[in-house]
Amino acid sequence: MAQKRISLSHLFFIFIIILMFLPMIVSFIPSMKGPELYGVSAENKNIIKDSISWNHYWEGGFQTEIERMIKQNIGFSNHWIRFNNELNFRLFRYTNAEKLVLGKHDNFYEEMYITEYLGRNYIGDRYIQKKVILLKRLQRLLKDKYGVTMLLVFEPGKAHFSPAEIPDRYHPEIKNVSNYEQFVRFCNQENVDYLDLNDYFLKKKQNSPHLLYSKYGVHWSTYGLWVATEQLAQFIENKCDIDLPDFTQVGDSTSTMNKDLDFDMEPPMNLLCELPHEKMYFPIYSFQNDTYRHTQPRTLTVADSYFWSIYNSGISSNLFKNNIFWYYNKAVYPHIFDPDIQYADKSSLKELIQNQDLILLMITDANLYNFGWNFIEEALHALDNTYKEDTEMTTLNMILSDKNWYSTLLKESQQKQKPFNVILYQTVEYERKQLPQ
């Protein structure tokens, strides 16, 4: 009997040892790690592998790098990460996904949209009015001298669209004036040509037959994309006095499957189980381009990620000729994710602009604090010999284009309980004084 207990003890001990070493053993089998995690690229893994060298050994960093590599390659690692994320989400309503805010009733937001809607990053009337006046000056110059139409499009923002679902910890009951509200006011005052999709979506929300936003998406839904496209096309035709290629709905479908645009904030959560999806509507359109009747304007678009869907869906290539998309006026889309990212070539900006029929500046409300991403000033500098640099606006753009600097000022505003525009103005004035006279 004692011998049997010893054998069972040995077997149990061996089982425990095997269990302990199993993750290490299966780590040599890539498929045992589990499904790849969203946002973890092969390049990142190679960086860690490449950093393991004899130099790191003698510098004391060898052990740290080895531990990082083992953690990333140990068996079942992706399953365990997803399991941990699932527990955090289900039990504590918490997620490690960068930028993601879990709103009420499982409505997902990015924090920057909440910040803008509540007016926590309001830059002040002084700067907004100056930017709008410069935009109007550029619009008039392009039209009168070069025959180029420039149009501003305010894209929608989810916090503006669904403010009731903002988490209570943001104190949504305390709402200040926002950049969006004041940009619209000054655009009306200066007679700027603009399309306000933010306002249009809000008005259409109650009577829309299908969802314009999904719970798990921070960009417009696929249906919302086509609603926006119809408004954009009509706006361009009216302002440019042209007839764009026609597009008509030829079919549709509904689905709860993850189709990126409609559930774009779910994959970064890296959950073990898929979330219960709403039924989304997917219209199918066909384009007709009669070369004798329709016009495809040569177009330069300066925009943020909302324009991705217009570009990726083929809408822009059907409506426009040689459509150039400058993402944040910095990188050339779709090459923004390439290892050798392609940056916008500004060396011949004047010639590039002269060769366009249409320039679109499209921006969601969350990005209005850095309105235009300096494109307006760059274009005026290239096209207008009478344009003189405003050091105040140059300093402002320098600060707001630096995400770390902007975040620091935002935190300072919160900690000191001072309006962001006051902190921003003080910083701009201080930095201007540092400039060589």
Protein backbone atom coordinates (compact mmCIF):
# COMPACT_ATOMS: atom_id res chain seq x y z
CA MET A 1 0.00 0.00 0.00
CA ALA A 2 2.84 2.35 0.91
CA GLN A 3 4.59 1.42 -2.36
CA LYS A 4 1.41 2.29 -4.28
CA ARG A 5 1.22 5.69 -2.54
CA ILE A 6 4.88 6.31 -3.45
CA SER A 7 4.20 5.45 -7.10
CA LEU A 8 1.22 7.75 -7.19
CA SER A 9 3.30 10.50 -5.61
CA HIS A 10 6.01 9.99 -8.23
CA LEU A 11 3.47 10.09 -11.01
CA PHE A 12 1.89 13.23 -9.62
CA PHE A 13 5.33 14.84 -9.28
CA ILE A 14 6.23 13.92 -12.86
CA PHE A 15 2.87 15.33 -14.03
CA ILE A 16 3.54 18.65 -12.26
CA ILE A 17 7.03 18.87 -13.77
CA ILE A 18 5.69 18.19 -17.26
CA LEU A 19 2.96 20.77 -16.72
CA MET A 20 5.54 23.34 -15.66
CA PHE A 21 7.78 22.70 -18.64
CA LEU A 22 4.97 22.27 -21.19
CA PRO A 23 4.84 25.98 -22.19
CA MET A 24 8.60 25.95 -22.76
CA ILE A 25 8.43 22.70 -24.75
CA VAL A 26 5.61 23.84 -27.04
CA SER A 27 7.27 27.24 -27.51
CA PHE A 28 9.29 25.55 -30.25
CA ILE A 29 6.01 24.96 -32.12
CA PRO A 30 4.88 28.38 -33.49
CA SER A 31 1.29 27.25 -34.00
CA MET A 32 0.93 26.50 -30.28
CA LYS A 33 1.24 30.18 -29.36
CA GLY A 34 -2.29 30.83 -30.49
CA PRO A 35 -3.77 33.36 -32.93
CA GLU A 36 -1.54 36.36 -33.57
CA LEU A 37 -2.24 39.40 -31.44
CA TYR A 38 -3.52 42.55 -33.10
CA GLY A 39 -0.89 45.28 -33.15
CA VAL A 40 2.07 42.96 -32.52
CA SER A 41 4.01 42.82 -35.76
CA ALA A 42 6.79 40.51 -36.84
CA GLU A 43 9.05 43.55 -37.06
CA ASN A 44 8.64 44.19 -33.33
CA LYS A 45 9.59 40.62 -32.54
CA ASN A 46 12.65 40.79 -34.77
CA ILE A 47 13.77 43.99 -33.05
CA ILE A 48 13.90 42.09 -29.76
CA LYS A 49 15.77 39.16 -31.35
CA ASP A 50 18.24 41.46 -33.07
CA SER A 51 18.89 43.31 -29.81
CA ILE A 52 20.24 40.14 -28.16
CA SER A 53 24.00 40.28 -28.65
CA TRP A 54 27.32 39.98 -26.82
CA ASN A 55 27.37 43.77 -26.49
CA HIS A 56 24.16 43.60 -24.49
CA TYR A 57 25.68 40.81 -22.39
CA TRP A 58 28.64 42.93 -21.34
CA GLU A 59 26.45 46.04 -20.92
CA GLY A 60 24.13 44.21 -18.54
CA GLY A 61 21.04 44.20 -20.76
CA PHE A 62 21.29 40.60 -21.93
CA GLN A 63 19.03 39.09 -19.25
CA THR A 64 16.31 41.68 -19.78
CA GLU A 65 16.21 41.05 -23.53
CA ILE A 66 16.21 37.28 -23.06
CA GLU A 67 13.27 37.54 -20.66
CA ARG A 68 11.35 39.70 -23.15
CA MET A 69 11.95 37.21 -25.96
CA ILE A 70 10.92 34.22 -23.84
CA LYS A 71 7.71 35.94 -22.76
CA GLN A 72 6.82 36.65 -26.37
CA ASN A 73 7.56 33.14 -27.61
CA ILE A 74 6.49 30.89 -24.75
CA GLY A 75 3.82 28.33 -25.58
CA PHE A 76 0.17 29.40 -25.33
CA SER A 77 1.35 33.00 -24.74
CA ASN A 78 -1.24 34.57 -27.03
CA HIS A 79 -4.01 32.50 -25.46
CA TRP A 80 -2.98 33.59 -21.97
CA ILE A 81 -2.83 37.24 -23.01
CA ARG A 82 -6.29 37.03 -24.54
CA PHE A 83 -7.59 35.21 -21.46
CA ASN A 84 -6.18 37.91 -19.19
CA ASN A 85 -7.71 40.65 -21.37
CA GLU A 86 -11.04 38.83 -21.31
CA LEU A 87 -11.07 38.66 -17.50
CA ASN A 88 -10.15 42.35 -17.19
CA PHE A 89 -12.91 43.34 -19.58
CA ARG A 90 -15.66 41.07 -18.23
CA LEU A 91 -14.96 41.49 -14.50
CA PHE A 92 -13.45 44.96 -14.19
CA ARG A 93 -14.56 46.73 -17.38
CA TYR A 94 -10.94 47.47 -18.14
CA THR A 95 -8.87 47.19 -21.32
CA ASN A 96 -5.20 47.55 -22.17
CA ALA A 97 -5.98 48.71 -25.70
CA GLU A 98 -4.30 52.03 -26.36
CA LYS A 99 -6.63 55.04 -26.69
CA LEU A 100 -9.77 52.94 -26.13
CA VAL A 101 -12.39 54.22 -23.66
CA LEU A 102 -15.19 51.87 -22.62
CA GLY A 103 -18.36 53.92 -22.59
CA LYS A 104 -21.80 53.12 -21.22
CA HIS A 105 -23.73 50.19 -22.70
CA ASP A 106 -20.55 48.91 -24.41
CA ASN A 107 -20.12 51.98 -26.61
CA PHE A 108 -16.43 52.41 -27.43
CA TYR A 109 -14.71 55.77 -27.83
CA GLU A 110 -11.26 57.16 -28.35
CA GLU A 111 -10.45 59.64 -25.60
CA MET A 112 -9.53 62.46 -27.99
CA TYR A 113 -13.15 62.65 -29.21
CA ILE A 114 -14.40 63.02 -25.64
CA THR A 115 -11.75 65.64 -24.91
CA GLU A 116 -12.86 67.69 -27.92
CA TYR A 117 -16.61 67.33 -27.33
CA LEU A 118 -16.30 68.49 -23.72
CA GLY A 119 -14.10 71.42 -24.72
CA ARG A 120 -11.13 70.26 -22.65
CA ASN A 121 -8.67 71.13 -25.45
CA TYR A 122 -10.31 74.34 -26.69
CA ILE A 123 -7.50 76.46 -28.19
CA GLY A 124 -9.34 79.81 -27.95
CA ASP A 125 -11.16 82.18 -30.29
CA ARG A 126 -8.01 84.16 -31.06
CA TYR A 127 -6.24 81.23 -32.73
CA ILE A 128 -9.37 79.77 -34.31
CA GLN A 129 -10.30 83.05 -35.97
CA LYS A 130 -6.76 83.50 -37.30
CA LYS A 131 -6.77 80.01 -38.79
CA VAL A 132 -10.16 80.50 -40.42
CA ILE A 133 -9.12 83.87 -41.91
CA LEU A 134 -6.03 82.20 -43.40
CA LEU A 135 -8.17 79.40 -44.82
CA LYS A 136 -10.54 81.90 -46.46
CA ARG A 137 -7.57 83.77 -47.89
CA LEU A 138 -6.24 80.54 -49.40
CA GLN A 139 -9.64 79.56 -50.79
CA ARG A 140 -10.00 82.94 -52.50
CA LEU A 141 -6.44 82.93 -53.84
CA LEU A 142 -6.72 79.42 -55.27
CA LYS A 143 -10.02 80.16 -56.99
CA ASP A 144 -9.24 83.63 -58.33
CA LYS A 145 -5.63 83.14 -59.42
CA TYR A 146 -5.27 79.43 -60.13
CA GLY A 147 -8.81 78.18 -60.81
CA VAL A 148 -8.51 75.59 -58.05
CA THR A 149 -11.41 74.95 -55.67
CA MET A 150 -10.55 74.30 -52.02
CA LEU A 151 -13.24 72.87 -49.76
CA LEU A 152 -13.29 72.22 -46.03
CA VAL A 153 -15.16 69.18 -44.67
CA PHE A 154 -15.91 68.72 -40.98
CA GLU A 155 -16.07 64.96 -40.47
CA PRO A 156 -18.23 63.60 -37.64
CA GLY A 157 -16.99 62.57 -34.19
CA LYS A 158 -18.48 59.78 -32.11
CA ALA A 159 -18.59 61.71 -28.82
CA HIS A 160 -20.51 64.48 -30.56
CA PHE A 161 -22.77 61.85 -32.13
CA SER A 162 -23.39 59.82 -28.93
CA PRO A 163 -22.63 62.02 -25.91
CA ALA A 164 -25.03 60.17 -23.60
CA GLU A 165 -22.74 57.12 -23.50
CA ILE A 166 -19.62 58.98 -22.31
CA PRO A 167 -18.42 57.47 -18.99
CA ASP A 168 -19.32 59.43 -15.86
CA ARG A 169 -15.66 59.74 -14.82
CA TYR A 170 -15.22 62.32 -17.58
CA HIS A 171 -18.00 64.42 -16.00
CA PRO A 172 -19.86 64.94 -19.28
CA GLU A 173 -22.29 67.22 -17.45
CA ILE A 174 -19.49 69.81 -17.40
CA LYS A 175 -19.23 70.83 -21.04
CA ASN A 176 -17.33 73.89 -22.21
CA VAL A 177 -17.23 75.52 -25.64
CA SER A 178 -15.46 73.26 -28.14
CA ASN A 179 -13.10 73.85 -31.05
CA TYR A 180 -15.74 72.44 -33.42
CA GLU A 181 -18.42 74.90 -32.32
CA GLN A 182 -16.13 77.89 -32.72
CA PHE A 183 -14.64 76.78 -36.04
CA VAL A 184 -18.16 76.51 -37.45
CA ARG A 185 -19.03 79.94 -36.06
CA PHE A 186 -15.99 81.64 -37.58
CA CYS A 187 -16.36 79.76 -40.88
CA ASN A 188 -19.86 81.19 -41.15
CA GLN A 189 -18.58 84.62 -40.20
CA GLU A 190 -15.82 84.55 -42.84
CA ASN A 191 -18.02 82.93 -45.51
CA VAL A 192 -15.79 79.84 -45.84
CA ASP A 193 -16.93 77.08 -48.21
CA TYR A 194 -17.41 74.08 -45.94
CA LEU A 195 -19.50 70.94 -45.47
CA ASP A 196 -20.50 70.02 -41.91
CA LEU A 197 -20.95 66.24 -41.77
CA ASN A 198 -20.78 66.36 -37.99
CA ASP A 199 -24.01 68.32 -37.84
CA TYR A 200 -25.55 66.33 -40.69
CA PHE A 201 -24.98 62.99 -38.93
CA LEU A 202 -26.46 64.31 -35.69
CA LYS A 203 -29.62 65.50 -37.48
CA LYS A 204 -29.95 62.25 -39.44
CA LYS A 205 -29.40 60.05 -36.36
CA GLN A 206 -33.05 59.85 -35.23
CA ASN A 207 -34.50 59.01 -38.64
CA SER A 208 -31.68 56.93 -40.11
CA PRO A 209 -32.93 53.49 -41.24
CA HIS A 210 -29.53 51.98 -40.38
CA LEU A 211 -26.74 52.60 -37.90
CA LEU A 212 -24.37 55.46 -38.77
CA TYR A 213 -22.00 54.30 -36.01
CA SER A 214 -21.62 50.91 -34.37
CA LYS A 215 -20.96 50.35 -30.68
CA TYR A 216 -17.46 49.03 -31.27
CA GLY A 217 -16.36 51.45 -33.99
CA VAL A 218 -14.98 54.96 -33.62
CA HIS A 219 -15.30 55.81 -37.31
CA TRP A 220 -18.52 55.98 -39.27
CA SER A 221 -20.09 52.64 -40.22
CA THR A 222 -20.01 51.33 -43.78
CA TYR A 223 -23.52 52.69 -44.19
CA GLY A 224 -22.40 55.98 -42.66
CA LEU A 225 -19.53 56.08 -45.15
CA TRP A 226 -21.93 56.02 -48.08
CA VAL A 227 -24.25 58.57 -46.48
CA ALA A 228 -21.23 60.87 -46.10
CA THR A 229 -20.09 60.16 -49.66
CA GLU A 230 -23.47 61.18 -51.10
CA GLN A 231 -23.33 64.48 -49.23
CA LEU A 232 -19.70 65.06 -50.22
CA ALA A 233 -20.38 64.38 -53.90
CA GLN A 234 -23.34 66.78 -53.98
CA PHE A 235 -21.30 69.43 -52.19
CA ILE A 236 -18.41 69.15 -54.67
CA GLU A 237 -20.76 69.25 -57.67
CA ASN A 238 -22.43 72.40 -56.37
CA LYS A 239 -19.23 74.23 -55.48
CA CYS A 240 -17.25 73.18 -58.58
CA ASP A 241 -20.20 73.30 -60.99
CA ILE A 242 -19.39 69.84 -62.37
CA ASP A 243 -21.12 66.50 -62.69
CA LEU A 244 -19.17 63.75 -60.92
CA PRO A 245 -19.49 60.10 -61.97
CA ASP A 246 -22.83 58.68 -60.82
CA PHE A 247 -23.05 55.96 -58.21
CA THR A 248 -26.20 53.97 -57.57
CA GLN A 249 -27.06 51.27 -55.07
CA VAL A 250 -27.33 47.89 -56.75
CA GLY A 251 -27.64 45.65 -53.70
CA ASP A 252 -27.11 45.31 -49.98
CA SER A 253 -26.46 42.87 -47.18
CA THR A 254 -26.58 42.73 -43.40
CA SER A 255 -24.04 41.03 -41.18
CA THR A 256 -22.74 40.75 -37.63
CA MET A 257 -19.31 39.67 -38.86
CA ASN A 258 -16.32 41.81 -38.02
CA LYS A 259 -15.73 44.02 -41.06
CA ASP A 260 -13.05 46.34 -39.69
CA LEU A 261 -14.72 49.69 -40.32
CA ASP A 262 -17.82 48.81 -38.29
CA PHE A 263 -16.02 47.22 -35.35
CA ASP A 264 -12.57 48.80 -35.60
CA MET A 265 -11.92 49.13 -31.86
CA GLU A 266 -12.62 45.48 -31.01
CA PRO A 267 -9.50 43.84 -32.55
CA PRO A 268 -7.04 45.98 -30.50
CA MET A 269 -8.61 44.57 -27.31
CA ASN A 270 -7.24 41.09 -28.17
CA LEU A 271 -10.07 39.28 -26.39
CA LEU A 272 -10.52 35.53 -26.15
CA CYS A 273 -14.17 35.63 -27.23
CA GLU A 274 -15.81 37.77 -29.87
CA LEU A 275 -18.16 40.47 -28.62
CA PRO A 276 -21.88 40.28 -29.50
CA HIS A 277 -22.17 42.38 -32.62
CA GLU A 278 -25.04 44.51 -33.80
CA LYS A 279 -26.49 43.73 -37.20
CA MET A 280 -24.85 46.21 -39.57
CA TYR A 281 -26.03 47.27 -43.01
CA PHE A 282 -23.71 47.08 -46.01
CA PRO A 283 -24.95 48.79 -49.20
CA ILE A 284 -23.42 47.79 -52.53
CA TYR A 285 -22.86 50.57 -55.07
CA SER A 286 -21.93 50.72 -58.73
CA PHE A 287 -20.22 53.67 -60.45
CA GLN A 288 -20.99 54.93 -63.94
CA ASN A 289 -18.53 57.26 -65.61
CA ASP A 290 -19.65 58.79 -68.89
CA THR A 291 -16.56 60.63 -70.17
CA TYR A 292 -18.73 62.99 -72.24
CA ARG A 293 -20.93 64.02 -69.32
CA HIS A 294 -19.01 63.34 -66.12
CA THR A 295 -15.92 65.05 -64.77
CA GLN A 296 -13.27 63.50 -62.53
CA PRO A 297 -11.41 66.43 -60.96
CA ARG A 298 -7.72 66.13 -60.22
CA THR A 299 -7.72 66.12 -56.45
CA LEU A 300 -5.35 66.55 -53.54
CA THR A 301 -6.86 65.45 -50.22
CA VAL A 302 -5.34 66.42 -46.89
CA ALA A 303 -7.17 64.41 -44.25
CA ASP A 304 -7.09 62.09 -41.26
CA SER A 305 -8.13 58.45 -40.80
CA TYR A 306 -11.79 59.07 -41.68
CA PHE A 307 -10.72 59.38 -45.30
CA TRP A 308 -9.12 55.92 -45.20
CA SER A 309 -12.48 54.26 -45.84
CA ILE A 310 -13.25 56.57 -48.76
CA TYR A 311 -9.87 55.77 -50.25
CA ASN A 312 -9.81 52.02 -49.47
CA SER A 313 -13.36 51.44 -50.75
CA GLY A 314 -12.43 52.75 -54.20
CA ILE A 315 -14.78 55.72 -53.89
CA SER A 316 -12.05 58.32 -54.36
CA SER A 317 -10.55 56.57 -57.38
CA ASN A 318 -13.99 56.47 -59.04
CA LEU A 319 -14.89 60.08 -58.26
CA PHE A 320 -11.50 61.75 -58.66
CA LYS A 321 -8.62 61.62 -61.10
CA ASN A 322 -5.18 60.83 -59.71
CA ASN A 323 -6.39 61.39 -56.16
CA ILE A 324 -3.45 62.17 -53.86
CA PHE A 325 -4.06 61.57 -50.17
CA TRP A 326 -1.73 63.25 -47.67
CA TYR A 327 -2.39 61.72 -44.28
CA TYR A 328 -2.18 64.50 -41.67
CA ASN A 329 -0.34 66.53 -44.34
CA LYS A 330 2.65 64.33 -43.63
CA ALA A 331 2.66 60.86 -45.16
CA VAL A 332 1.39 59.60 -48.51
CA TYR A 333 -1.43 57.11 -48.09
CA PRO A 334 -1.57 54.10 -48.41
CA HIS A 335 2.18 53.87 -47.74
CA ILE A 336 1.94 55.02 -44.11
CA PHE A 337 2.40 51.48 -42.80
CA ASP A 338 5.30 50.55 -45.10
CA PRO A 339 8.72 49.99 -43.48
CA ASP A 340 10.00 52.79 -45.73
CA ILE A 341 7.20 55.24 -45.15
CA GLN A 342 6.66 57.70 -48.02
CA TYR A 343 6.42 61.30 -46.90
CA ALA A 344 4.61 64.06 -48.78
CA ASP A 345 6.98 65.85 -51.15
CA LYS A 346 6.63 69.60 -50.53
CA SER A 347 9.62 70.62 -52.67
CA SER A 348 7.35 71.62 -55.58
CA LEU A 349 4.20 72.42 -53.66
CA LYS A 350 3.23 75.35 -55.89
CA GLU A 351 3.36 73.27 -59.06
CA LEU A 352 1.54 70.38 -57.40
CA ILE A 353 -1.32 72.62 -56.26
CA GLN A 354 -1.54 74.36 -59.65
CA ASN A 355 -2.02 70.96 -61.29
CA GLN A 356 -5.13 70.19 -59.21
CA ASP A 357 -8.77 71.02 -59.85
CA LEU A 358 -9.85 70.39 -56.28
CA ILE A 359 -8.26 70.42 -52.84
CA LEU A 360 -10.12 68.78 -49.97
CA LEU A 361 -9.26 69.50 -46.35
CA MET A 362 -11.17 66.89 -44.35
CA ILE A 363 -10.87 66.78 -40.57
CA THR A 364 -12.76 65.15 -37.71
CA ASP A 365 -13.63 67.28 -34.70
CA ALA A 366 -11.04 65.56 -32.48
CA ASN A 367 -8.24 66.92 -34.68
CA LEU A 368 -9.49 70.51 -34.88
CA TYR A 369 -7.09 71.65 -32.16
CA ASN A 370 -4.36 71.23 -34.81
CA PHE A 371 -6.51 72.49 -37.68
CA GLY A 372 -5.04 71.98 -41.15
CA TRP A 373 -1.82 70.39 -39.89
CA ASN A 374 0.06 73.46 -41.24
CA PHE A 375 -1.06 72.84 -44.85
CA ILE A 376 -2.80 76.22 -45.13
CA GLU A 377 0.32 78.14 -44.08
CA GLU A 378 2.57 76.06 -46.33
CA ALA A 379 0.30 76.59 -49.33
CA LEU A 380 0.10 80.36 -48.75
CA HIS A 381 3.87 80.54 -48.41
CA ALA A 382 4.28 78.71 -51.73
CA LEU A 383 1.58 80.56 -53.69
CA ASP A 384 1.32 84.09 -52.28
CA ASN A 385 4.29 86.46 -52.49
CA THR A 386 2.54 88.91 -50.17
CA TYR A 387 2.06 86.33 -47.41
CA LYS A 388 4.09 87.13 -44.30
CA GLU A 389 4.74 84.54 -41.66
CA ASP A 390 2.88 85.08 -38.39
CA THR A 391 5.33 84.00 -35.68
CA GLU A 392 2.47 83.51 -33.23
CA MET A 393 0.77 80.98 -35.52
CA THR A 394 4.08 79.34 -36.43
CA THR A 395 4.80 78.83 -32.74
CA LEU A 396 1.28 77.57 -32.13
CA ASN A 397 1.56 75.02 -34.95
CA MET A 398 4.96 73.89 -33.70
CA ILE A 399 3.52 73.18 -30.24
CA LEU A 400 0.32 71.48 -31.35
CA SER A 401 2.09 69.35 -33.98
CA ASP A 402 4.20 67.81 -31.22
CA LYS A 403 1.95 65.18 -29.63
CA ASN A 404 4.09 64.90 -26.50
CA TRP A 405 4.11 68.67 -26.02
CA TYR A 406 0.36 68.88 -26.60
CA SER A 407 -0.28 66.04 -24.11
CA THR A 408 1.91 67.73 -21.52
CA LEU A 409 -0.06 70.98 -21.81
CA LEU A 410 -3.32 69.05 -21.62
CA LYS A 411 -2.20 67.39 -18.38
CA GLU A 412 -1.03 70.72 -17.01
CA SER A 413 -4.45 72.19 -17.74
CA GLN A 414 -6.13 69.37 -15.83
CA GLN A 415 -3.74 69.46 -12.87
CA LYS A 416 -3.88 73.25 -12.43
CA GLN A 417 -7.61 73.39 -13.17
CA LYS A 418 -6.97 76.10 -15.75
CA PRO A 419 -8.59 76.28 -19.21
CA PHE A 420 -6.42 74.70 -21.89
CA ASN A 421 -6.49 77.85 -24.04
CA VAL A 422 -4.98 79.87 -21.15
CA ILE A 423 -2.13 77.36 -20.71
CA LEU A 424 -1.63 77.25 -24.48
CA TYR A 425 -1.53 81.04 -24.87
CA GLN A 426 1.02 81.39 -22.07
CA THR A 427 3.22 78.71 -23.67
CA VAL A 428 3.01 80.29 -27.12
CA GLU A 429 3.97 83.71 -25.74
CA TYR A 430 6.88 82.26 -23.76
CA GLU A 431 8.21 80.35 -26.79
CA ARG A 432 7.88 83.44 -29.03
CA LYS A 433 10.10 85.38 -26.65
CA GLN A 434 12.78 82.73 -27.08
CA LEU A 435 12.91 83.28 -30.84
CA PRO A 436 15.83 85.29 -32.19
CA GLN A 437 14.81 88.91 -32.76
